[in-house]
């Protein structure tokens, strides 16, 4: 997160702002520094994998990028070196715990039909369905009627 500018040498106000304000380990951040008279500098922090080399084109804002070290979390102070002087605690960087990565693929594609196709695949693998049960019952009924009619014919004397 950004911190307010801190008072430095010769009453110059040097401040550092990090974008994005909340960074994750391994992520890239941009450092914007105000209050330096020169056109170059460096920004360092215990959270940075390496110092950010700062450059500017006129005005009083220097910018650079760096990467957040792996395995760090918490709030870290930023030290800026410009105009030949170190300016300590001119900002902070907030490092959040990295988000967990997915362990299984996302069910993508198919739009709204994806649940239907997966249900059909499950039904195909599950065995006979309602249609098969109805056909079986009809055949059993026909067989029962045939047996009953044959039995009736045998009992009648002709």
N, C-alpha and C. Protein backbone atom coordinates (compact mmCIF):
# COMPACT_ATOMS: atom_id res chain seq x y z
N UNK A 1 0.84 -1.17 0.00
CA UNK A 1 0.00 0.00 0.00
C UNK A 1 0.89 1.23 0.00
N UNK A 2 0.37 2.30 -0.48
CA UNK A 2 1.15 3.53 -0.54
C UNK A 2 1.18 4.20 0.82
N UNK A 3 2.28 4.81 1.12
CA UNK A 3 2.40 5.54 2.37
C UNK A 3 2.59 7.00 2.04
N UNK A 4 2.30 7.84 3.00
CA UNK A 4 2.47 9.27 2.78
C UNK A 4 3.93 9.62 2.63
N UNK A 5 4.24 10.72 1.99
CA UNK A 5 5.63 11.12 1.80
C UNK A 5 6.32 11.33 3.14
N UNK A 6 7.59 10.99 3.19
CA UNK A 6 8.38 11.17 4.41
C UNK A 6 9.34 12.33 4.21
N UNK A 7 9.68 12.98 5.30
CA UNK A 7 10.62 14.09 5.24
C UNK A 7 12.02 13.55 5.05
N UNK A 8 12.79 14.10 4.11
CA UNK A 8 14.15 13.62 3.83
C UNK A 8 15.12 14.78 3.93
N UNK A 9 16.34 14.57 3.36
CA UNK A 9 17.38 15.60 3.42
C UNK A 9 16.90 16.92 2.86
N UNK A 10 17.37 17.98 3.46
CA UNK A 10 17.08 19.35 3.01
C UNK A 10 15.58 19.62 2.90
N UNK A 11 14.79 18.97 3.76
CA UNK A 11 13.34 19.19 3.81
C UNK A 11 12.64 18.83 2.50
N UNK A 12 13.29 18.05 1.61
CA UNK A 12 12.63 17.58 0.38
C UNK A 12 11.68 16.45 0.76
N UNK A 13 10.51 16.43 0.17
CA UNK A 13 9.57 15.35 0.41
C UNK A 13 9.72 14.32 -0.70
N UNK A 14 10.15 13.13 -0.34
CA UNK A 14 10.28 12.03 -1.28
C UNK A 14 9.25 10.98 -0.87
N UNK A 15 8.46 10.53 -1.83
CA UNK A 15 7.44 9.52 -1.54
C UNK A 15 7.43 8.46 -2.63
N UNK A 16 7.08 7.24 -2.24
CA UNK A 16 7.02 6.13 -3.19
C UNK A 16 5.63 5.50 -3.15
N UNK A 17 5.13 5.19 -4.33
CA UNK A 17 3.81 4.54 -4.46
C UNK A 17 3.99 3.28 -5.31
N UNK A 18 3.37 2.19 -4.89
CA UNK A 18 3.47 0.90 -5.57
C UNK A 18 2.15 0.60 -6.27
N UNK A 19 2.23 0.12 -7.51
CA UNK A 19 1.04 -0.30 -8.25
C UNK A 19 1.29 -1.71 -8.78
N UNK A 20 0.44 -2.67 -8.50
CA UNK A 20 -0.75 -2.61 -7.67
C UNK A 20 -0.38 -2.49 -6.19
N UNK A 21 -1.30 -1.91 -5.43
CA UNK A 21 -1.04 -1.64 -4.02
C UNK A 21 -0.82 -2.93 -3.23
N UNK A 22 -1.56 -3.97 -3.56
CA UNK A 22 -1.41 -5.27 -2.90
C UNK A 22 -0.81 -6.24 -3.90
N UNK A 23 0.42 -6.66 -3.67
CA UNK A 23 1.12 -7.52 -4.61
C UNK A 23 1.22 -8.95 -4.08
N UNK A 24 1.41 -9.88 -4.99
CA UNK A 24 1.59 -11.28 -4.62
C UNK A 24 3.03 -11.68 -4.89
N UNK A 25 3.55 -12.66 -4.15
CA UNK A 25 4.91 -13.12 -4.41
C UNK A 25 5.07 -13.53 -5.87
N UNK A 26 6.16 -13.11 -6.47
CA UNK A 26 6.42 -13.41 -7.87
C UNK A 26 5.81 -12.41 -8.84
N UNK A 27 4.96 -11.52 -8.35
CA UNK A 27 4.28 -10.54 -9.20
C UNK A 27 5.16 -9.34 -9.50
N UNK A 28 4.86 -8.68 -10.61
CA UNK A 28 5.59 -7.47 -10.99
C UNK A 28 4.84 -6.26 -10.45
N UNK A 29 5.59 -5.26 -10.00
CA UNK A 29 5.01 -4.02 -9.49
C UNK A 29 5.71 -2.84 -10.13
N UNK A 30 4.98 -1.74 -10.23
CA UNK A 30 5.56 -0.49 -10.71
C UNK A 30 5.76 0.42 -9.50
N UNK A 31 6.92 1.05 -9.46
CA UNK A 31 7.26 1.97 -8.38
C UNK A 31 7.27 3.37 -8.97
N UNK A 32 6.50 4.28 -8.38
CA UNK A 32 6.49 5.68 -8.80
C UNK A 32 6.97 6.52 -7.62
N UNK A 33 8.02 7.31 -7.85
CA UNK A 33 8.63 8.10 -6.79
C UNK A 33 8.51 9.58 -7.13
N UNK A 34 8.08 10.36 -6.16
CA UNK A 34 8.00 11.81 -6.32
C UNK A 34 8.95 12.47 -5.34
N UNK A 35 9.38 13.66 -5.68
CA UNK A 35 10.20 14.44 -4.76
C UNK A 35 11.68 14.40 -5.04
N UNK A 36 12.13 13.69 -6.06
CA UNK A 36 13.56 13.65 -6.41
C UNK A 36 13.84 14.70 -7.47
N UNK A 37 14.94 15.42 -7.31
CA UNK A 37 15.29 16.46 -8.27
C UNK A 37 15.96 15.88 -9.52
N UNK A 38 16.65 14.76 -9.40
CA UNK A 38 17.35 14.17 -10.53
C UNK A 38 16.42 13.38 -11.44
N UNK A 39 17.01 12.79 -12.49
CA UNK A 39 16.21 12.02 -13.44
C UNK A 39 16.42 10.51 -13.31
N UNK A 40 17.23 10.08 -12.33
CA UNK A 40 17.43 8.65 -12.10
C UNK A 40 17.48 8.38 -10.60
N UNK A 41 17.30 7.11 -10.26
CA UNK A 41 17.37 6.69 -8.87
C UNK A 41 17.13 5.20 -8.77
N UNK A 42 16.99 4.73 -7.55
CA UNK A 42 16.72 3.32 -7.31
C UNK A 42 15.80 3.20 -6.10
N UNK A 43 14.94 2.18 -6.14
CA UNK A 43 14.04 1.90 -5.02
C UNK A 43 14.28 0.47 -4.58
N UNK A 44 14.47 0.28 -3.28
CA UNK A 44 14.71 -1.05 -2.75
C UNK A 44 13.80 -1.36 -1.59
N UNK A 45 13.59 -2.65 -1.36
CA UNK A 45 12.76 -3.11 -0.25
C UNK A 45 13.11 -4.56 0.01
N UNK A 46 12.85 -5.01 1.23
CA UNK A 46 13.04 -6.41 1.55
C UNK A 46 12.09 -7.31 0.77
N UNK A 47 11.03 -6.74 0.23
CA UNK A 47 10.07 -7.51 -0.55
C UNK A 47 10.48 -7.66 -2.00
N UNK A 48 11.40 -6.82 -2.48
CA UNK A 48 11.77 -6.83 -3.89
C UNK A 48 12.82 -7.89 -4.18
N UNK A 49 12.70 -8.57 -5.32
CA UNK A 49 13.72 -9.52 -5.75
C UNK A 49 14.99 -8.77 -6.11
N UNK A 50 14.87 -7.57 -6.63
CA UNK A 50 16.00 -6.69 -6.95
C UNK A 50 15.52 -5.26 -6.92
N UNK A 51 16.44 -4.33 -6.77
CA UNK A 51 16.07 -2.91 -6.73
C UNK A 51 15.44 -2.50 -8.05
N UNK A 52 14.49 -1.58 -7.97
CA UNK A 52 13.87 -1.01 -9.16
C UNK A 52 14.72 0.16 -9.63
N UNK A 53 15.18 0.10 -10.86
CA UNK A 53 15.92 1.22 -11.44
C UNK A 53 14.89 2.27 -11.86
N UNK A 54 15.03 3.48 -11.34
CA UNK A 54 14.06 4.55 -11.58
C UNK A 54 14.59 5.53 -12.61
N UNK A 55 13.72 5.93 -13.52
CA UNK A 55 14.06 6.96 -14.50
C UNK A 55 12.86 7.88 -14.65
N UNK A 56 13.12 9.08 -15.12
CA UNK A 56 12.05 10.04 -15.33
C UNK A 56 12.37 10.95 -16.49
N UNK A 57 11.34 11.55 -17.05
CA UNK A 57 11.49 12.49 -18.15
C UNK A 57 10.94 13.82 -17.70
N UNK A 58 11.80 14.64 -17.17
CA UNK A 58 11.33 15.94 -16.68
C UNK A 58 10.40 15.76 -15.50
N UNK A 59 9.95 16.85 -14.95
CA UNK A 59 9.03 16.78 -13.81
C UNK A 59 9.74 16.18 -12.62
N UNK A 60 8.95 15.73 -11.66
CA UNK A 60 9.55 15.22 -10.43
C UNK A 60 9.12 13.78 -10.14
N UNK A 61 8.65 13.03 -11.15
CA UNK A 61 8.24 11.65 -10.92
C UNK A 61 9.20 10.70 -11.62
N UNK A 62 9.74 9.75 -10.86
CA UNK A 62 10.60 8.70 -11.39
C UNK A 62 9.83 7.39 -11.32
N UNK A 63 9.96 6.54 -12.33
CA UNK A 63 9.24 5.27 -12.33
C UNK A 63 10.18 4.12 -12.69
N UNK A 64 9.83 2.95 -12.23
CA UNK A 64 10.56 1.73 -12.55
C UNK A 64 9.73 0.52 -12.16
N UNK A 65 10.17 -0.65 -12.59
CA UNK A 65 9.45 -1.88 -12.24
C UNK A 65 10.40 -2.87 -11.59
N UNK A 66 9.82 -3.74 -10.80
CA UNK A 66 10.57 -4.82 -10.16
C UNK A 66 9.61 -5.96 -9.88
N UNK A 67 10.15 -7.04 -9.33
CA UNK A 67 9.36 -8.22 -9.04
C UNK A 67 9.41 -8.48 -7.53
N UNK A 68 8.30 -8.97 -6.98
CA UNK A 68 8.22 -9.32 -5.56
C UNK A 68 8.89 -10.69 -5.36
N UNK A 69 9.71 -10.81 -4.32
CA UNK A 69 10.39 -12.07 -4.03
C UNK A 69 9.38 -13.16 -3.70
N UNK A 70 9.73 -14.39 -4.03
CA UNK A 70 8.91 -15.55 -3.65
C UNK A 70 9.05 -15.79 -2.15
N UNK A 71 7.99 -16.26 -1.53
CA UNK A 71 8.05 -16.66 -0.13
C UNK A 71 7.96 -15.54 0.88
N UNK A 72 7.58 -14.32 0.46
CA UNK A 72 7.44 -13.23 1.42
C UNK A 72 5.98 -12.83 1.54
N UNK A 73 5.59 -12.40 2.73
CA UNK A 73 4.26 -11.83 2.97
C UNK A 73 4.42 -10.74 4.02
N UNK A 74 3.47 -9.82 4.04
CA UNK A 74 3.50 -8.76 5.04
C UNK A 74 3.75 -7.40 4.43
N UNK A 75 4.06 -6.44 5.29
CA UNK A 75 4.30 -5.05 4.88
C UNK A 75 5.78 -4.75 4.98
N UNK A 76 6.33 -4.17 3.92
CA UNK A 76 7.76 -3.85 3.86
C UNK A 76 7.94 -2.38 3.52
N UNK A 77 8.95 -1.75 4.15
CA UNK A 77 9.28 -0.35 3.85
C UNK A 77 10.07 -0.27 2.55
N UNK A 78 9.96 0.89 1.92
CA UNK A 78 10.70 1.15 0.68
C UNK A 78 11.73 2.23 0.96
N UNK A 79 12.95 2.01 0.48
CA UNK A 79 14.02 3.00 0.56
C UNK A 79 14.35 3.45 -0.85
N UNK A 80 14.37 4.75 -1.06
CA UNK A 80 14.67 5.32 -2.37
C UNK A 80 16.02 6.03 -2.29
N UNK A 81 16.86 5.79 -3.27
CA UNK A 81 18.13 6.50 -3.39
C UNK A 81 18.04 7.39 -4.62
N UNK A 82 18.09 8.70 -4.38
CA UNK A 82 18.11 9.66 -5.48
C UNK A 82 18.80 10.93 -4.98
N UNK A 83 19.26 11.72 -5.89
CA UNK A 83 19.96 12.97 -5.56
C UNK A 83 21.17 12.70 -4.66
N UNK A 84 21.73 11.48 -4.74
CA UNK A 84 22.91 11.14 -3.96
C UNK A 84 22.63 10.79 -2.52
N UNK A 85 21.37 10.67 -2.12
CA UNK A 85 21.02 10.39 -0.72
C UNK A 85 20.01 9.25 -0.64
N UNK A 86 20.11 8.43 0.40
CA UNK A 86 19.06 7.43 0.64
C UNK A 86 17.91 8.07 1.42
N UNK A 87 16.72 7.76 1.03
CA UNK A 87 15.51 8.25 1.70
C UNK A 87 14.77 7.00 2.20
N UNK A 88 14.88 6.72 3.49
CA UNK A 88 14.33 5.50 4.05
C UNK A 88 12.88 5.68 4.48
N UNK A 89 12.10 4.59 4.33
CA UNK A 89 10.72 4.58 4.80
C UNK A 89 9.82 5.56 4.08
N UNK A 90 10.04 5.76 2.78
CA UNK A 90 9.24 6.73 2.03
C UNK A 90 7.96 6.12 1.47
N UNK A 91 7.75 4.86 1.73
CA UNK A 91 6.54 4.17 1.27
C UNK A 91 6.57 2.74 1.77
N UNK A 92 5.49 2.03 1.53
CA UNK A 92 5.42 0.62 1.92
C UNK A 92 4.84 -0.19 0.78
N UNK A 93 5.16 -1.47 0.81
CA UNK A 93 4.57 -2.42 -0.14
C UNK A 93 3.93 -3.53 0.68
N UNK A 94 2.69 -3.83 0.35
CA UNK A 94 1.92 -4.87 1.05
C UNK A 94 1.95 -6.12 0.18
N UNK A 95 2.54 -7.20 0.70
CA UNK A 95 2.62 -8.46 -0.04
C UNK A 95 1.61 -9.43 0.56
N UNK A 96 0.69 -9.88 -0.27
CA UNK A 96 -0.35 -10.80 0.17
C UNK A 96 0.06 -12.22 -0.15
N UNK A 97 -0.53 -13.16 0.57
CA UNK A 97 -0.30 -14.57 0.27
C UNK A 97 -0.79 -14.85 -1.13
N UNK A 98 -0.02 -15.60 -1.87
CA UNK A 98 -0.43 -15.91 -3.24
C UNK A 98 -1.67 -16.78 -3.23
N UNK A 99 -2.47 -16.65 -4.27
CA UNK A 99 -3.69 -17.44 -4.39
C UNK A 99 -3.33 -18.87 -4.75
N UNK A 100 -4.12 -19.84 -4.27
CA UNK A 100 -3.83 -21.23 -4.64
C UNK A 100 -4.09 -21.45 -6.12
N UNK A 101 -3.31 -22.32 -6.71
CA UNK A 101 -3.50 -22.62 -8.13
C UNK A 101 -4.46 -23.79 -8.25
N UNK A 102 -5.23 -23.84 -9.32
CA UNK A 102 -6.18 -24.94 -9.49
C UNK A 102 -5.44 -26.28 -9.62
N UNK A 103 -6.06 -27.35 -9.11
CA UNK A 103 -5.45 -28.67 -9.20
C UNK A 103 -6.14 -29.54 -10.24
N UNK A 104 -7.24 -29.08 -10.80
CA UNK A 104 -7.96 -29.83 -11.83
C UNK A 104 -8.34 -28.86 -12.94
N UNK A 105 -8.51 -29.38 -14.16
CA UNK A 105 -8.89 -28.48 -15.25
C UNK A 105 -10.30 -27.95 -15.08
N UNK A 106 -10.53 -26.80 -15.63
CA UNK A 106 -11.84 -26.18 -15.60
C UNK A 106 -12.73 -26.84 -16.64
N UNK A 107 -13.98 -27.09 -16.30
CA UNK A 107 -14.92 -27.66 -17.27
C UNK A 107 -15.35 -26.53 -18.19
N UNK A 108 -14.73 -26.46 -19.34
CA UNK A 108 -14.99 -25.37 -20.27
C UNK A 108 -15.61 -25.91 -21.55
N UNK A 109 -16.19 -24.98 -22.30
CA UNK A 109 -16.76 -25.33 -23.60
C UNK A 109 -18.16 -25.85 -23.47
N UNK A 110 -18.88 -25.85 -24.57
CA UNK A 110 -20.22 -26.39 -24.57
C UNK A 110 -21.28 -25.40 -24.14
N UNK A 111 -20.88 -24.27 -23.58
CA UNK A 111 -21.87 -23.29 -23.14
C UNK A 111 -22.85 -23.90 -22.17
N UNK A 112 -24.14 -23.63 -22.36
CA UNK A 112 -25.17 -24.17 -21.49
C UNK A 112 -25.43 -25.64 -21.71
N UNK A 113 -24.90 -26.20 -22.81
CA UNK A 113 -25.13 -27.60 -23.12
C UNK A 113 -24.17 -28.52 -22.38
N UNK A 114 -23.14 -27.98 -21.76
CA UNK A 114 -22.15 -28.82 -21.10
C UNK A 114 -22.77 -29.74 -20.04
N UNK A 115 -23.67 -29.25 -19.17
CA UNK A 115 -24.27 -30.17 -18.20
C UNK A 115 -25.10 -31.27 -18.86
N UNK A 116 -25.75 -30.95 -20.00
CA UNK A 116 -26.57 -31.95 -20.68
C UNK A 116 -25.71 -33.06 -21.26
N UNK A 117 -24.60 -32.69 -21.89
CA UNK A 117 -23.75 -33.71 -22.49
C UNK A 117 -23.09 -34.56 -21.42
N UNK A 118 -22.73 -33.97 -20.30
CA UNK A 118 -22.12 -34.78 -19.24
C UNK A 118 -23.17 -35.71 -18.62
N UNK A 119 -24.43 -35.28 -18.52
CA UNK A 119 -25.49 -36.14 -18.00
C UNK A 119 -25.76 -37.28 -18.96
N UNK A 120 -25.73 -37.02 -20.28
CA UNK A 120 -25.95 -38.07 -21.27
C UNK A 120 -24.83 -39.10 -21.21
N UNK A 121 -23.61 -38.65 -21.02
CA UNK A 121 -22.49 -39.57 -20.93
C UNK A 121 -22.63 -40.47 -19.70
N UNK A 122 -23.09 -39.91 -18.60
CA UNK A 122 -23.29 -40.69 -17.39
C UNK A 122 -24.41 -41.71 -17.61
N UNK A 123 -25.50 -41.30 -18.29
CA UNK A 123 -26.61 -42.21 -18.55
C UNK A 123 -26.17 -43.36 -19.45
N UNK A 124 -25.33 -43.08 -20.45
CA UNK A 124 -24.84 -44.14 -21.33
C UNK A 124 -24.01 -45.15 -20.55
N UNK A 125 -23.27 -44.70 -19.60
CA UNK A 125 -22.41 -45.58 -18.84
C UNK A 125 -23.16 -46.31 -17.73
N UNK A 126 -24.35 -45.83 -17.34
CA UNK A 126 -25.06 -46.37 -16.19
C UNK A 126 -25.83 -47.64 -16.52
N UNK A 127 -26.06 -48.00 -17.78
CA UNK A 127 -26.79 -49.21 -18.14
C UNK A 127 -28.17 -48.89 -18.67
N UNK A 128 -29.09 -49.90 -18.63
CA UNK A 128 -30.43 -49.71 -19.20
C UNK A 128 -31.18 -48.57 -18.53
N UNK A 129 -31.96 -47.86 -19.34
CA UNK A 129 -32.73 -46.75 -18.83
C UNK A 129 -34.21 -47.07 -18.79
N UNK A 130 -35.04 -46.06 -18.70
CA UNK A 130 -36.49 -46.21 -18.62
C UNK A 130 -37.04 -46.87 -19.87
N UNK A 131 -36.55 -46.50 -21.02
CA UNK A 131 -37.05 -47.05 -22.28
C UNK A 131 -36.85 -48.57 -22.30
N UNK A 132 -35.70 -49.03 -21.86
CA UNK A 132 -35.44 -50.47 -21.84
C UNK A 132 -36.36 -51.19 -20.85
N UNK A 133 -36.63 -50.57 -19.74
CA UNK A 133 -37.52 -51.17 -18.74
C UNK A 133 -38.94 -51.32 -19.28
N UNK A 134 -39.44 -50.30 -19.99
CA UNK A 134 -40.80 -50.35 -20.56
C UNK A 134 -40.89 -51.46 -21.61
N UNK A 135 -39.90 -51.55 -22.49
CA UNK A 135 -39.91 -52.60 -23.52
C UNK A 135 -39.91 -53.97 -22.86
N UNK A 136 -39.11 -54.14 -21.82
CA UNK A 136 -39.06 -55.42 -21.12
C UNK A 136 -40.40 -55.77 -20.49
N UNK A 137 -41.07 -54.80 -19.89
CA UNK A 137 -42.38 -55.06 -19.27
C UNK A 137 -43.43 -55.42 -20.33
N UNK A 138 -43.41 -54.74 -21.47
CA UNK A 138 -44.37 -55.04 -22.54
C UNK A 138 -44.14 -56.46 -23.04
N UNK A 139 -42.90 -56.84 -23.28
CA UNK A 139 -42.61 -58.20 -23.75
C UNK A 139 -43.03 -59.25 -22.72
N UNK A 140 -42.81 -58.98 -21.46
CA UNK A 140 -43.22 -59.91 -20.41
C UNK A 140 -44.74 -60.03 -20.38
N UNK A 141 -45.45 -58.93 -20.57
CA UNK A 141 -46.91 -58.96 -20.60
C UNK A 141 -47.43 -59.77 -21.77
N UNK A 142 -46.83 -59.58 -22.96
CA UNK A 142 -47.24 -60.34 -24.15
C UNK A 142 -46.98 -61.84 -23.92
N UNK A 143 -45.86 -62.17 -23.34
CA UNK A 143 -45.56 -63.58 -23.07
C UNK A 143 -46.57 -64.17 -22.08
N UNK A 144 -46.95 -63.41 -21.07
CA UNK A 144 -47.91 -63.90 -20.09
C UNK A 144 -49.27 -64.14 -20.74
N UNK A 145 -49.71 -63.25 -21.61
CA UNK A 145 -50.99 -63.42 -22.30
C UNK A 145 -50.91 -64.65 -23.21
N UNK A 146 -49.82 -64.84 -23.92
CA UNK A 146 -49.67 -66.00 -24.81
C UNK A 146 -49.74 -67.30 -24.02
N UNK A 147 -49.09 -67.36 -22.89
CA UNK A 147 -49.12 -68.57 -22.06
C UNK A 147 -50.54 -68.81 -21.55
N UNK A 148 -51.22 -67.75 -21.14
CA UNK A 148 -52.58 -67.89 -20.63
C UNK A 148 -53.53 -68.40 -21.72
N UNK A 149 -53.44 -67.86 -22.92
CA UNK A 149 -54.30 -68.30 -24.02
C UNK A 149 -54.02 -69.76 -24.39
N UNK A 150 -52.80 -70.15 -24.41
CA UNK A 150 -52.44 -71.53 -24.74
C UNK A 150 -52.98 -72.50 -23.68
N UNK A 151 -52.91 -72.07 -22.45
CA UNK A 151 -53.41 -72.92 -21.37
C UNK A 151 -54.92 -73.10 -21.48
N UNK A 152 -55.63 -72.05 -21.85
CA UNK A 152 -57.08 -72.10 -21.97
C UNK A 152 -57.45 -73.03 -23.12
N UNK A 153 -56.75 -73.01 -24.21
CA UNK A 153 -57.05 -73.86 -25.37
C UNK A 153 -56.87 -75.34 -25.03
N UNK A 154 -55.90 -75.69 -24.26
CA UNK A 154 -55.65 -77.08 -23.93
C UNK A 154 -56.73 -77.65 -23.01
N UNK A 155 -57.28 -76.86 -22.16
CA UNK A 155 -58.26 -77.34 -21.20
C UNK A 155 -59.62 -77.56 -21.85
N UNK A 156 -59.95 -76.87 -22.88
CA UNK A 156 -61.27 -77.00 -23.51
C UNK A 156 -61.34 -78.27 -24.35
N UNK A 157 -62.34 -79.07 -24.10
CA UNK A 157 -62.51 -80.22 -24.98
C UNK A 157 -63.15 -79.77 -26.27
N UNK A 158 -62.73 -80.29 -27.33
CA UNK A 158 -63.28 -79.85 -28.60
C UNK A 158 -64.21 -80.81 -29.18
